[in-house]
Amino acid sequence: MKHTLALATLSALLLSGAALADDVMKKDGVLVNAAGMTVYTFDKDSAGKSACSGACIDNWPAVTPSANVMAPYSVITRDDGAKQLAYQGKPLYLFKKDLKPGDRNGDNFKDVWHVVKE
């Protein structure tokens, strides 16, 4: 019974387009947060480790995780002790200069920041 209920819940989430994390979802082929803001990765990060701190994290705020995180999402611990959502091991960020949902001003910024295509 529990197995059937879990499968039904998962199926409903997938059919609704919801992500398997409360924090992000797929929209127009890229990941966005719950407010519709574009989500990015940073080429200088390694799997499970953020290389963005100081002025970098001011311009590229980390996506913070909720309690409901399932694969392919995970949670990493930043050097400052804060938790950050990751997708396939890569830490996720927003861009300070994206002012409204759908903006992608950070895509290919300095050739090291990229929207997350699922």
PDB file of N, CA and C in Angstrom:
ATOM      1  N   MET A   1       0.814  -1.182   0.000  1.00  0.00           N
ATOM      2  CA  MET A   1       0.000   0.000   0.000  1.00  0.00           C
ATOM      3  C   MET A   1       0.867   1.259   0.000  1.00  0.00           C
ATOM      4  N   LYS A   2       1.884   1.297   0.896  1.00  0.00           N
ATOM      5  CA  LYS A   2       2.770   2.454   0.955  1.00  0.00           C
ATOM      6  C   LYS A   2       3.496   2.644  -0.368  1.00  0.00           C
ATOM      7  N   HIS A   3       3.914   1.543  -0.972  1.00  0.00           N
ATOM      8  CA  HIS A   3       4.623   1.587  -2.245  1.00  0.00           C
ATOM      9  C   HIS A   3       3.736   2.190  -3.341  1.00  0.00           C
ATOM     10  N   THR A   4       2.481   1.777  -3.378  1.00  0.00           N
ATOM     11  CA  THR A   4       1.533   2.287  -4.367  1.00  0.00           C
ATOM     12  C   THR A   4       1.296   3.774  -4.171  1.00  0.00           C
ATOM     13  N   LEU A   5       1.150   4.208  -2.926  1.00  0.00           N
ATOM     14  CA  LEU A   5       0.933   5.616  -2.625  1.00  0.00           C
ATOM     15  C   LEU A   5       2.154   6.445  -3.024  1.00  0.00           C
ATOM     16  N   ALA A   6       3.337   5.955  -2.748  1.00  0.00           N
ATOM     17  CA  ALA A   6       4.563   6.668  -3.113  1.00  0.00           C
ATOM     18  C   ALA A   6       4.671   6.796  -4.634  1.00  0.00           C
ATOM     19  N   LEU A   7       4.367   5.734  -5.351  1.00  0.00           N
ATOM     20  CA  LEU A   7       4.411   5.787  -6.809  1.00  0.00           C
ATOM     21  C   LEU A   7       3.376   6.753  -7.363  1.00  0.00           C
ATOM     22  N   ALA A   8       2.207   6.777  -6.783  1.00  0.00           N
ATOM     23  CA  ALA A   8       1.155   7.696  -7.234  1.00  0.00           C
ATOM     24  C   ALA A   8       1.574   9.141  -6.999  1.00  0.00           C
ATOM     25  N   THR A   9       2.177   9.413  -5.845  1.00  0.00           N
ATOM     26  CA  THR A   9       2.645  10.772  -5.538  1.00  0.00           C
ATOM     27  C   THR A   9       3.750  11.178  -6.500  1.00  0.00           C
ATOM     28  N   LEU A  10       4.712  10.298  -6.738  1.00  0.00           N
ATOM     29  CA  LEU A  10       5.798  10.591  -7.665  1.00  0.00           C
ATOM     30  C   LEU A  10       5.254  10.820  -9.069  1.00  0.00           C
ATOM     31  N   SER A  11       4.331  10.005  -9.500  1.00  0.00           N
ATOM     32  CA  SER A  11       3.733  10.171 -10.831  1.00  0.00           C
ATOM     33  C   SER A  11       3.030  11.517 -10.947  1.00  0.00           C
ATOM     34  N   ALA A  12       2.314  11.919  -9.918  1.00  0.00           N
ATOM     35  CA  ALA A  12       1.623  13.212  -9.941  1.00  0.00           C
ATOM     36  C   ALA A  12       2.613  14.350 -10.040  1.00  0.00           C
ATOM     37  N   LEU A  13       3.716  14.255  -9.319  1.00  0.00           N
ATOM     38  CA  LEU A  13       4.747  15.294  -9.395  1.00  0.00           C
ATOM     39  C   LEU A  13       5.340  15.377 -10.793  1.00  0.00           C
ATOM     40  N   LEU A  14       5.656  14.245 -11.348  1.00  0.00           N
ATOM     41  CA  LEU A  14       6.270  14.235 -12.674  1.00  0.00           C
ATOM     42  C   LEU A  14       5.308  14.747 -13.735  1.00  0.00           C
ATOM     43  N   LEU A  15       4.058  14.361 -13.645  1.00  0.00           N
ATOM     44  CA  LEU A  15       3.075  14.817 -14.624  1.00  0.00           C
ATOM     45  C   LEU A  15       2.787  16.298 -14.496  1.00  0.00           C
ATOM     46  N   SER A  16       2.932  16.847 -13.288  1.00  0.00           N
ATOM     47  CA  SER A  16       2.663  18.269 -13.089  1.00  0.00           C
ATOM     48  C   SER A  16       3.835  19.132 -13.520  1.00  0.00           C
ATOM     49  N   GLY A  17       4.980  18.511 -13.813  1.00  0.00           N
ATOM     50  CA  GLY A  17       6.165  19.270 -14.206  1.00  0.00           C
ATOM     51  C   GLY A  17       6.991  19.713 -13.019  1.00  0.00           C
ATOM     52  N   ALA A  18       6.619  19.306 -11.813  1.00  0.00           N
ATOM     53  CA  ALA A  18       7.370  19.694 -10.630  1.00  0.00           C
ATOM     54  C   ALA A  18       8.682  18.928 -10.585  1.00  0.00           C
ATOM     55  N   ALA A  19       9.663  19.562 -10.014  1.00  0.00           N
ATOM     56  CA  ALA A  19      10.962  18.922  -9.851  1.00  0.00           C
ATOM     57  C   ALA A  19      10.926  18.015  -8.628  1.00  0.00           C
ATOM     58  N   LEU A  20      11.939  17.198  -8.493  1.00  0.00           N
ATOM     59  CA  LEU A  20      12.046  16.354  -7.319  1.00  0.00           C
ATOM     60  C   LEU A  20      12.790  17.088  -6.210  1.00  0.00           C
ATOM     61  N   ALA A  21      12.724  18.403  -6.247  1.00  0.00           N
ATOM     62  CA  ALA A  21      13.196  19.274  -5.173  1.00  0.00           C
ATOM     63  C   ALA A  21      12.229  20.445  -5.178  1.00  0.00           C
ATOM     64  N   ASP A  22      11.851  20.906  -3.995  1.00  0.00           N
ATOM     65  CA  ASP A  22      10.904  22.021  -3.926  1.00  0.00           C
ATOM     66  C   ASP A  22      11.497  23.301  -4.506  1.00  0.00           C
ATOM     67  N   ASP A  23      12.808  23.351  -4.594  1.00  0.00           N
ATOM     68  CA  ASP A  23      13.514  24.581  -4.918  1.00  0.00           C
ATOM     69  C   ASP A  23      13.569  24.927  -6.401  1.00  0.00           C
ATOM     70  N   VAL A  24      13.570  23.930  -7.264  1.00  0.00           N
ATOM     71  CA  VAL A  24      13.745  24.181  -8.689  1.00  0.00           C
ATOM     72  C   VAL A  24      12.782  23.340  -9.514  1.00  0.00           C
ATOM     73  N   MET A  25      12.556  23.807 -10.744  1.00  0.00           N
ATOM     74  CA  MET A  25      11.721  23.064 -11.688  1.00  0.00           C
ATOM     75  C   MET A  25      12.204  23.391 -13.092  1.00  0.00           C
ATOM     76  N   LYS A  26      11.773  22.615 -14.036  1.00  0.00           N
ATOM     77  CA  LYS A  26      12.144  22.840 -15.429  1.00  0.00           C
ATOM     78  C   LYS A  26      11.113  23.765 -16.072  1.00  0.00           C
ATOM     79  N   LYS A  27      11.596  24.794 -16.781  1.00  0.00           N
ATOM     80  CA  LYS A  27      10.713  25.701 -17.518  1.00  0.00           C
ATOM     81  C   LYS A  27      11.445  26.153 -18.770  1.00  0.00           C
ATOM     82  N   ASP A  28      10.803  25.999 -19.911  1.00  0.00           N
ATOM     83  CA  ASP A  28      11.398  26.372 -21.196  1.00  0.00           C
ATOM     84  C   ASP A  28      12.779  25.746 -21.392  1.00  0.00           C
ATOM     85  N   GLY A  29      12.951  24.511 -20.910  1.00  0.00           N
ATOM     86  CA  GLY A  29      14.180  23.769 -21.135  1.00  0.00           C
ATOM     87  C   GLY A  29      15.306  24.045 -20.167  1.00  0.00           C
ATOM     88  N   VAL A  30      15.103  24.951 -19.199  1.00  0.00           N
ATOM     89  CA  VAL A  30      16.146  25.240 -18.212  1.00  0.00           C
ATOM     90  C   VAL A  30      15.559  25.174 -16.809  1.00  0.00           C
ATOM     91  N   LEU A  31      16.434  25.024 -15.822  1.00  0.00           N
ATOM     92  CA  LEU A  31      15.974  25.005 -14.447  1.00  0.00           C
ATOM     93  C   LEU A  31      15.760  26.424 -13.943  1.00  0.00           C
ATOM     94  N   VAL A  32      14.693  26.596 -13.189  1.00  0.00           N
ATOM     95  CA  VAL A  32      14.390  27.865 -12.532  1.00  0.00           C
ATOM     96  C   VAL A  32      14.011  27.567 -11.088  1.00  0.00           C
ATOM     97  N   ASN A  33      14.117  28.597 -10.235  1.00  0.00           N
ATOM     98  CA  ASN A  33      13.683  28.395  -8.856  1.00  0.00           C
ATOM     99  C   ASN A  33      12.176  28.574  -8.764  1.00  0.00           C
ATOM    100  N   ALA A  34      11.641  28.473  -7.569  1.00  0.00           N
ATOM    101  CA  ALA A  34      10.190  28.559  -7.383  1.00  0.00           C
ATOM    102  C   ALA A  34       9.616  29.902  -7.817  1.00  0.00           C
ATOM    103  N   ALA A  35      10.448  30.954  -7.824  1.00  0.00           N
ATOM    104  CA  ALA A  35      10.013  32.285  -8.256  1.00  0.00           C
ATOM    105  C   ALA A  35      10.180  32.482  -9.760  1.00  0.00           C
ATOM    106  N   GLY A  36      10.671  31.447 -10.460  1.00  0.00           N
ATOM    107  CA  GLY A  36      10.842  31.533 -11.910  1.00  0.00           C
ATOM    108  C   GLY A  36      12.177  32.119 -12.343  1.00  0.00           C
ATOM    109  N   MET A  37      13.084  32.315 -11.386  1.00  0.00           N
ATOM    110  CA  MET A  37      14.399  32.877 -11.718  1.00  0.00           C
ATOM    111  C   MET A  37      15.336  31.774 -12.206  1.00  0.00           C
ATOM    112  N   THR A  38      16.096  32.086 -13.241  1.00  0.00           N
ATOM    113  CA  THR A  38      16.995  31.122 -13.877  1.00  0.00           C
ATOM    114  C   THR A  38      18.088  30.654 -12.913  1.00  0.00           C
ATOM    115  N   VAL A  39      18.415  29.371 -13.003  1.00  0.00           N
ATOM    116  CA  VAL A  39      19.424  28.741 -12.162  1.00  0.00           C
ATOM    117  C   VAL A  39      20.661  28.445 -13.014  1.00  0.00           C
ATOM    118  N   TYR A  40      21.843  28.641 -12.414  1.00  0.00           N
ATOM    119  CA  TYR A  40      23.122  28.516 -13.130  1.00  0.00           C
ATOM    120  C   TYR A  40      24.089  27.575 -12.413  1.00  0.00           C
ATOM    121  N   THR A  41      25.084  27.105 -13.184  1.00  0.00           N
ATOM    122  CA  THR A  41      26.244  26.407 -12.621  1.00  0.00           C
ATOM    123  C   THR A  41      27.494  27.193 -12.984  1.00  0.00           C
ATOM    124  N   PHE A  42      28.567  26.917 -12.260  1.00  0.00           N
ATOM    125  CA  PHE A  42      29.845  27.618 -12.380  1.00  0.00           C
ATOM    126  C   PHE A  42      30.916  26.595 -12.747  1.00  0.00           C
ATOM    127  N   ASP A  43      31.607  26.812 -13.874  1.00  0.00           N
ATOM    128  CA  ASP A  43      32.596  25.846 -14.355  1.00  0.00           C
ATOM    129  C   ASP A  43      33.737  25.600 -13.365  1.00  0.00           C
ATOM    130  N   LYS A  44      34.021  26.561 -12.498  1.00  0.00           N
ATOM    131  CA  LYS A  44      35.138  26.395 -11.559  1.00  0.00           C
ATOM    132  C   LYS A  44      34.781  25.529 -10.356  1.00  0.00           C
ATOM    133  N   ASP A  45      33.500  25.197 -10.199  1.00  0.00           N
ATOM    134  CA  ASP A  45      33.084  24.283  -9.139  1.00  0.00           C
ATOM    135  C   ASP A  45      33.458  22.864  -9.516  1.00  0.00           C
ATOM    136  N   SER A  46      33.685  22.060  -8.507  1.00  0.00           N
ATOM    137  CA  SER A  46      33.826  20.623  -8.744  1.00  0.00           C
ATOM    138  C   SER A  46      32.597  19.955  -8.145  1.00  0.00           C
ATOM    139  N   ALA A  47      32.367  18.728  -8.502  1.00  0.00           N
ATOM    140  CA  ALA A  47      31.184  18.028  -7.994  1.00  0.00           C
ATOM    141  C   ALA A  47      31.198  18.052  -6.467  1.00  0.00           C
ATOM    142  N   GLY A  48      30.123  18.573  -5.888  1.00  0.00           N
ATOM    143  CA  GLY A  48      29.991  18.604  -4.449  1.00  0.00           C
ATOM    144  C   GLY A  48      30.737  19.715  -3.747  1.00  0.00           C
ATOM    145  N   LYS A  49      31.355  20.641  -4.495  1.00  0.00           N
ATOM    146  CA  LYS A  49      32.168  21.701  -3.881  1.00  0.00           C
ATOM    147  C   LYS A  49      31.998  23.007  -4.641  1.00  0.00           C
ATOM    148  N   SER A  50      31.655  24.071  -3.914  1.00  0.00           N
ATOM    149  CA  SER A  50      31.512  25.393  -4.512  1.00  0.00           C
ATOM    150  C   SER A  50      32.837  26.145  -4.462  1.00  0.00           C
ATOM    151  N   ALA A  51      33.192  26.772  -5.582  1.00  0.00           N
ATOM    152  CA  ALA A  51      34.393  27.615  -5.653  1.00  0.00           C
ATOM    153  C   ALA A  51      34.013  29.092  -5.608  1.00  0.00           C
ATOM    154  N   CYS A  52      32.740  29.387  -5.379  1.00  0.00           N
ATOM    155  CA  CYS A  52      32.226  30.761  -5.399  1.00  0.00           C
ATOM    156  C   CYS A  52      32.060  31.264  -3.970  1.00  0.00           C
ATOM    157  N   SER A  53      32.832  32.322  -3.618  1.00  0.00           N
ATOM    158  CA  SER A  53      32.714  32.922  -2.288  1.00  0.00           C
ATOM    159  C   SER A  53      33.029  34.411  -2.406  1.00  0.00           C
ATOM    160  N   GLY A  54      32.902  35.130  -1.321  1.00  0.00           N
ATOM    161  CA  GLY A  54      33.203  36.562  -1.325  1.00  0.00           C
ATOM    162  C   GLY A  54      32.320  37.327  -2.289  1.00  0.00           C
ATOM    163  N   ALA A  55      32.950  38.160  -3.143  1.00  0.00           N
ATOM    164  CA  ALA A  55      32.197  38.953  -4.126  1.00  0.00           C
ATOM    165  C   ALA A  55      31.442  38.050  -5.094  1.00  0.00           C
ATOM    166  N   CYS A  56      31.986  36.895  -5.376  1.00  0.00           N
ATOM    167  CA  CYS A  56      31.319  35.952  -6.286  1.00  0.00           C
ATOM    168  C   CYS A  56      29.947  35.576  -5.741  1.00  0.00           C
ATOM    169  N   ILE A  57      29.875  35.172  -4.477  1.00  0.00           N
ATOM    170  CA  ILE A  57      28.595  34.724  -3.925  1.00  0.00           C
ATOM    171  C   ILE A  57      27.625  35.895  -3.751  1.00  0.00           C
ATOM    172  N   ASP A  58      28.142  37.121  -3.651  1.00  0.00           N
ATOM    173  CA  ASP A  58      27.266  38.298  -3.615  1.00  0.00           C
ATOM    174  C   ASP A  58      26.555  38.477  -4.953  1.00  0.00           C
ATOM    175  N   ASN A  59      27.269  38.235  -6.050  1.00  0.00           N
ATOM    176  CA  ASN A  59      26.705  38.376  -7.397  1.00  0.00           C
ATOM    177  C   ASN A  59      25.962  37.132  -7.860  1.00  0.00           C
ATOM    178  N   TRP A  60      26.336  35.991  -7.313  1.00  0.00           N
ATOM    179  CA  TRP A  60      25.758  34.708  -7.705  1.00  0.00           C
ATOM    180  C   TRP A  60      25.274  33.979  -6.446  1.00  0.00           C
ATOM    181  N   PRO A  61      24.143  34.408  -5.887  1.00  0.00           N
ATOM    182  CA  PRO A  61      23.657  33.779  -4.647  1.00  0.00           C
ATOM    183  C   PRO A  61      23.387  32.282  -4.823  1.00  0.00           C
ATOM    184  N   ALA A  62      23.761  31.541  -3.815  1.00  0.00           N
ATOM    185  CA  ALA A  62      23.530  30.095  -3.819  1.00  0.00           C
ATOM    186  C   ALA A  62      22.042  29.797  -3.716  1.00  0.00           C
ATOM    187  N   VAL A  63      21.607  28.758  -4.415  1.00  0.00           N
ATOM    188  CA  VAL A  63      20.237  28.272  -4.264  1.00  0.00           C
ATOM    189  C   VAL A  63      20.218  27.439  -2.984  1.00  0.00           C
ATOM    190  N   THR A  64      19.389  27.846  -2.041  1.00  0.00           N
ATOM    191  CA  THR A  64      19.317  27.121  -0.781  1.00  0.00           C
ATOM    192  C   THR A  64      18.279  26.006  -0.890  1.00  0.00           C
ATOM    193  N   PRO A  65      18.586  24.870  -0.318  1.00  0.00           N
ATOM    194  CA  PRO A  65      17.685  23.718  -0.446  1.00  0.00           C
ATOM    195  C   PRO A  65      16.535  23.758   0.551  1.00  0.00           C
ATOM    196  N   SER A  66      15.477  23.076   0.193  1.00  0.00           N
ATOM    197  CA  SER A  66      14.372  22.842   1.122  1.00  0.00           C
ATOM    198  C   SER A  66      14.598  21.470   1.752  1.00  0.00           C
ATOM    199  N   ALA A  67      13.601  21.013   2.443  1.00  0.00           N
ATOM    200  CA  ALA A  67      13.702  19.695   3.074  1.00  0.00           C
ATOM    201  C   ALA A  67      13.470  18.558   2.088  1.00  0.00           C
ATOM    202  N   ASN A  68      12.854  18.832   0.953  1.00  0.00           N
ATOM    203  CA  ASN A  68      12.478  17.770   0.007  1.00  0.00           C
ATOM    204  C   ASN A  68      13.437  17.718  -1.169  1.00  0.00           C
ATOM    205  N   VAL A  69      14.547  17.039  -0.995  1.00  0.00           N
ATOM    206  CA  VAL A  69      15.554  16.934  -2.047  1.00  0.00           C
ATOM    207  C   VAL A  69      15.769  15.469  -2.378  1.00  0.00           C
ATOM    208  N   MET A  70      15.592  15.141  -3.659  1.00  0.00           N
ATOM    209  CA  MET A  70      15.772  13.766  -4.129  1.00  0.00           C
ATOM    210  C   MET A  70      16.634  13.793  -5.390  1.00  0.00           C
ATOM    211  N   ALA A  71      17.295  12.687  -5.678  1.00  0.00           N
ATOM    212  CA  ALA A  71      18.128  12.567  -6.873  1.00  0.00           C
ATOM    213  C   ALA A  71      17.324  12.973  -8.099  1.00  0.00           C
ATOM    214  N   PRO A  72      17.927  13.693  -9.031  1.00  0.00           N
ATOM    215  CA  PRO A  72      19.344  14.004  -9.220  1.00  0.00           C
ATOM    216  C   PRO A  72      19.824  15.233  -8.448  1.00  0.00           C
ATOM    217  N   TYR A  73      18.998  15.724  -7.500  1.00  0.00           N
ATOM    218  CA  TYR A  73      19.392  16.858  -6.672  1.00  0.00           C
ATOM    219  C   TYR A  73      20.060  16.351  -5.407  1.00  0.00           C
ATOM    220  N   SER A  74      20.894  17.201  -4.819  1.00  0.00           N
ATOM    221  CA  SER A  74      21.537  16.868  -3.559  1.00  0.00           C
ATOM    222  C   SER A  74      21.823  18.177  -2.830  1.00  0.00           C
ATOM    223  N   VAL A  75      22.321  18.052  -1.628  1.00  0.00           N
ATOM    224  CA  VAL A  75      22.671  19.220  -0.823  1.00  0.00           C
ATOM    225  C   VAL A  75      24.157  19.144  -0.503  1.00  0.00           C
ATOM    226  N   ILE A  76      24.869  20.257  -0.736  1.00  0.00           N
ATOM    227  CA  ILE A  76      26.277  20.334  -0.370  1.00  0.00           C
ATOM    228  C   ILE A  76      26.412  21.326   0.785  1.00  0.00           C
ATOM    229  N   THR A  77      27.517  21.229   1.499  1.00  0.00           N
ATOM    230  CA  THR A  77      27.827  22.191   2.546  1.00  0.00           C
ATOM    231  C   THR A  77      28.958  23.070   2.044  1.00  0.00           C
ATOM    232  N   ARG A  78      28.692  24.377   1.982  1.00  0.00           N
ATOM    233  CA  ARG A  78      29.677  25.347   1.533  1.00  0.00           C
ATOM    234  C   ARG A  78      30.762  25.533   2.597  1.00  0.00           C
ATOM    235  N   ASP A  79      31.888  26.139   2.232  1.00  0.00           N
ATOM    236  CA  ASP A  79      32.974  26.379   3.186  1.00  0.00           C
ATOM    237  C   ASP A  79      32.525  27.222   4.371  1.00  0.00           C
ATOM    238  N   ASP A  80      31.519  28.095   4.155  1.00  0.00           N
ATOM    239  CA  ASP A  80      31.009  28.927   5.256  1.00  0.00           C
ATOM    240  C   ASP A  80      29.978  28.191   6.112  1.00  0.00           C
ATOM    241  N   GLY A  81      29.726  26.922   5.804  1.00  0.00           N
ATOM    242  CA  GLY A  81      28.799  26.103   6.570  1.00  0.00           C
ATOM    243  C   GLY A  81      27.366  26.134   6.060  1.00  0.00           C
ATOM    244  N   ALA A  82      27.060  27.039   5.118  1.00  0.00           N
ATOM    245  CA  ALA A  82      25.706  27.133   4.565  1.00  0.00           C
ATOM    246  C   ALA A  82      25.427  25.942   3.658  1.00  0.00           C
ATOM    247  N   LYS A  83      24.168  25.570   3.564  1.00  0.00           N
ATOM    248  CA  LYS A  83      23.741  24.495   2.675  1.00  0.00           C
ATOM    249  C   LYS A  83      23.393  25.078   1.312  1.00  0.00           C
ATOM    250  N   GLN A  84      23.690  24.329   0.252  1.00  0.00           N
ATOM    251  CA  GLN A  84      23.422  24.765  -1.120  1.00  0.00           C
ATOM    252  C   GLN A  84      22.880  23.590  -1.913  1.00  0.00           C
ATOM    253  N   LEU A  85      21.870  23.864  -2.738  1.00  0.00           N
ATOM    254  CA  LEU A  85      21.305  22.835  -3.601  1.00  0.00           C
ATOM    255  C   LEU A  85      22.250  22.569  -4.760  1.00  0.00           C
ATOM    256  N   ALA A  86      22.369  21.305  -5.136  1.00  0.00           N
ATOM    257  CA  ALA A  86      23.198  20.908  -6.275  1.00  0.00           C
ATOM    258  C   ALA A  86      22.353  20.050  -7.211  1.00  0.00           C
ATOM    259  N   TYR A  87      22.704  20.079  -8.499  1.00  0.00           N
ATOM    260  CA  TYR A  87      22.054  19.250  -9.508  1.00  0.00           C
ATOM    261  C   TYR A  87      23.129  18.380 -10.127  1.00  0.00           C
ATOM    262  N   GLN A  88      22.967  17.081 -10.045  1.00  0.00           N
ATOM    263  CA  GLN A  88      23.971  16.121 -10.499  1.00  0.00           C
ATOM    264  C   GLN A  88      25.336  16.468  -9.915  1.00  0.00           C
ATOM    265  N   GLY A  89      25.337  16.866  -8.656  1.00  0.00           N
ATOM    266  CA  GLY A  89      26.568  17.175  -7.933  1.00  0.00           C
ATOM    267  C   GLY A  89      27.086  18.587  -8.109  1.00  0.00           C
ATOM    268  N   LYS A  90      26.568  19.331  -9.091  1.00  0.00           N
ATOM    269  CA  LYS A  90      27.052  20.690  -9.356  1.00  0.00           C
ATOM    270  C   LYS A  90      26.241  21.698  -8.545  1.00  0.00           C
ATOM    271  N   PRO A  91      26.901  22.549  -7.744  1.00  0.00           N
ATOM    272  CA  PRO A  91      26.191  23.566  -6.975  1.00  0.00           C
ATOM    273  C   PRO A  91      25.389  24.501  -7.890  1.00  0.00           C
ATOM    274  N   LEU A  92      24.245  24.970  -7.397  1.00  0.00           N
ATOM    275  CA  LEU A  92      23.347  25.824  -8.167  1.00  0.00           C
ATOM    276  C   LEU A  92      23.319  27.249  -7.615  1.00  0.00           C
ATOM    277  N   TYR A  93      23.189  28.216  -8.546  1.00  0.00           N
ATOM    278  CA  TYR A  93      23.224  29.635  -8.204  1.00  0.00           C
ATOM    279  C   TYR A  93      22.142  30.398  -8.964  1.00  0.00           C
ATOM    280  N   LEU A  94      21.850  31.585  -8.457  1.00  0.00           N
ATOM    281  CA  LEU A  94      21.045  32.575  -9.161  1.00  0.00           C
ATOM    282  C   LEU A  94      22.000  33.670  -9.610  1.00  0.00           C
ATOM    283  N   PHE A  95      21.545  34.630 -10.432  1.00  0.00           N
ATOM    284  CA  PHE A  95      22.395  35.738 -10.860  1.00  0.00           C
ATOM    285  C   PHE A  95      21.752  37.042 -10.426  1.00  0.00           C
ATOM    286  N   LYS A  96      22.516  37.854  -9.725  1.00  0.00           N
ATOM    287  CA  LYS A  96      22.029  39.121  -9.173  1.00  0.00           C
ATOM    288  C   LYS A  96      21.435  40.046 -10.244  1.00  0.00           C
ATOM    289  N   LYS A  97      21.941  39.969 -11.472  1.00  0.00           N
ATOM    290  CA  LYS A  97      21.477  40.861 -12.534  1.00  0.00           C
ATOM    291  C   LYS A  97      20.281  40.321 -13.306  1.00  0.00           C
ATOM    292  N   ASP A  98      19.794  39.149 -12.929  1.00  0.00           N
ATOM    293  CA  ASP A  98      18.512  38.670 -13.453  1.00  0.00           C
ATOM    294  C   ASP A  98      17.446  39.350 -12.604  1.00  0.00           C
ATOM    295  N   LEU A  99      16.682  40.248 -13.217  1.00  0.00           N
ATOM    296  CA  LEU A  99      15.748  41.067 -12.450  1.00  0.00           C
ATOM    297  C   LEU A  99      14.324  40.542 -12.428  1.00  0.00           C
ATOM    298  N   LYS A 100      13.983  39.708 -13.406  1.00  0.00           N
ATOM    299  CA  LYS A 100      12.620  39.183 -13.453  1.00  0.00           C
ATOM    300  C   LYS A 100      12.649  37.724 -13.918  1.00  0.00           C
ATOM    301  N   PRO A 101      11.590  36.994 -13.605  1.00  0.00           N
ATOM    302  CA  PRO A 101      11.531  35.603 -14.052  1.00  0.00           C
ATOM    303  C   PRO A 101      11.757  35.495 -15.563  1.00  0.00           C
ATOM    304  N   GLY A 102      12.552  34.513 -15.940  1.00  0.00           N
ATOM    305  CA  GLY A 102      12.849  34.292 -17.351  1.00  0.00           C
ATOM    306  C   GLY A 102      14.126  34.962 -17.831  1.00  0.00           C
ATOM    307  N   ASP A 103      14.636  35.956 -17.086  1.00  0.00           N
ATOM    308  CA  ASP A 103      15.910  36.577 -17.471  1.00  0.00           C
ATOM    309  C   ASP A 103      17.006  35.520 -17.455  1.00  0.00           C
ATOM    310  N   ARG A 104      17.923  35.617 -18.405  1.00  0.00           N
ATOM    311  CA  ARG A 104      19.072  34.697 -18.486  1.00  0.00           C
ATOM    312  C   ARG A 104      20.336  35.501 -18.734  1.00  0.00           C
ATOM    313  N   ASN A 105      20.470  36.622 -18.029  1.00  0.00           N
ATOM    314  CA  ASN A 105      21.606  37.519 -18.235  1.00  0.00           C
ATOM    315  C   ASN A 105      22.949  36.906 -17.872  1.00  0.00           C
ATOM    316  N   GLY A 106      22.944  35.853 -17.070  1.00  0.00           N
ATOM    317  CA  GLY A 106      24.191  35.227 -16.663  1.00  0.00           C
ATOM    318  C   GLY A 106      24.642  34.082 -17.552  1.00  0.00           C
ATOM    319  N   ASP A 107      23.841  33.702 -18.549  1.00  0.00           N
ATOM    320  CA  ASP A 107      24.208  32.556 -19.387  1.00  0.00           C
ATOM    321  C   ASP A 107      25.477  32.853 -20.168  1.00  0.00           C
ATOM    322  N   ASN A 108      26.459  32.008 -20.011  1.00  0.00           N
ATOM    323  CA  ASN A 108      27.782  32.111 -20.644  1.00  0.00           C
ATOM    324  C   ASN A 108      28.561  33.344 -20.193  1.00  0.00           C
ATOM    325  N   PHE A 109      28.207  33.911 -19.036  1.00  0.00           N
ATOM    326  CA  PHE A 109      28.931  35.045 -18.479  1.00  0.00           C
ATOM    327  C   PHE A 109      30.379  34.630 -18.253  1.00  0.00           C
ATOM    328  N   LYS A 110      31.299  35.407 -18.845  1.00  0.00           N
ATOM    329  CA  LYS A 110      32.742  35.132 -18.776  1.00  0.00           C
ATOM    330  C   LYS A 110      33.077  33.693 -19.164  1.00  0.00           C
ATOM    331  N   ASP A 111      32.201  33.075 -19.936  1.00  0.00           N
ATOM    332  CA  ASP A 111      32.376  31.696 -20.419  1.00  0.00           C
ATOM    333  C   ASP A 111      32.498  30.655 -19.305  1.00  0.00           C
ATOM    334  N   VAL A 112      32.064  30.998 -18.078  1.00  0.00           N
ATOM    335  CA  VAL A 112      32.149  30.030 -16.980  1.00  0.00           C
ATOM    336  C   VAL A 112      30.827  29.838 -16.230  1.00  0.00           C
ATOM    337  N   TRP A 113      29.821  30.660 -16.524  1.00  0.00           N
ATOM    338  CA  TRP A 113      28.502  30.532 -15.906  1.00  0.00           C
ATOM    339  C   TRP A 113      27.505  30.087 -16.971  1.00  0.00           C
ATOM    340  N   HIS A 114      26.663  29.104 -16.631  1.00  0.00           N
ATOM    341  CA  HIS A 114      25.760  28.542 -17.636  1.00  0.00           C
ATOM    342  C   HIS A 114      24.401  28.208 -17.018  1.00  0.00           C
ATOM    343  N   VAL A 115      23.347  28.438 -17.808  1.00  0.00           N
ATOM    344  CA  VAL A 115      22.033  27.972 -17.364  1.00  0.00           C
ATOM    345  C   VAL A 115      22.088  26.454 -17.279  1.00  0.00           C
ATOM    346  N   VAL A 116      21.234  25.920 -16.446  1.00  0.00           N
ATOM    347  CA  VAL A 116      21.188  24.469 -16.259  1.00  0.00           C
ATOM    348  C   VAL A 116      20.096  23.930 -17.165  1.00  0.00           C
ATOM    349  N   LYS A 117      20.501  23.153 -18.147  1.00  0.00           N
ATOM    350  CA  LYS A 117      19.550  22.522 -19.062  1.00  0.00           C
ATOM    351  C   LYS A 117      19.337  21.106 -18.590  1.00  0.00           C
ATOM    352  N   GLU A 118      18.084  20.753 -18.438  1.00  0.00           N
ATOM    353  CA  GLU A 118      17.770  19.416 -17.944  1.00  0.00           C
ATOM    354  C   GLU A 118      17.431  18.485 -19.072  1.00  0.00           C
TER     355      GLU A 118
END
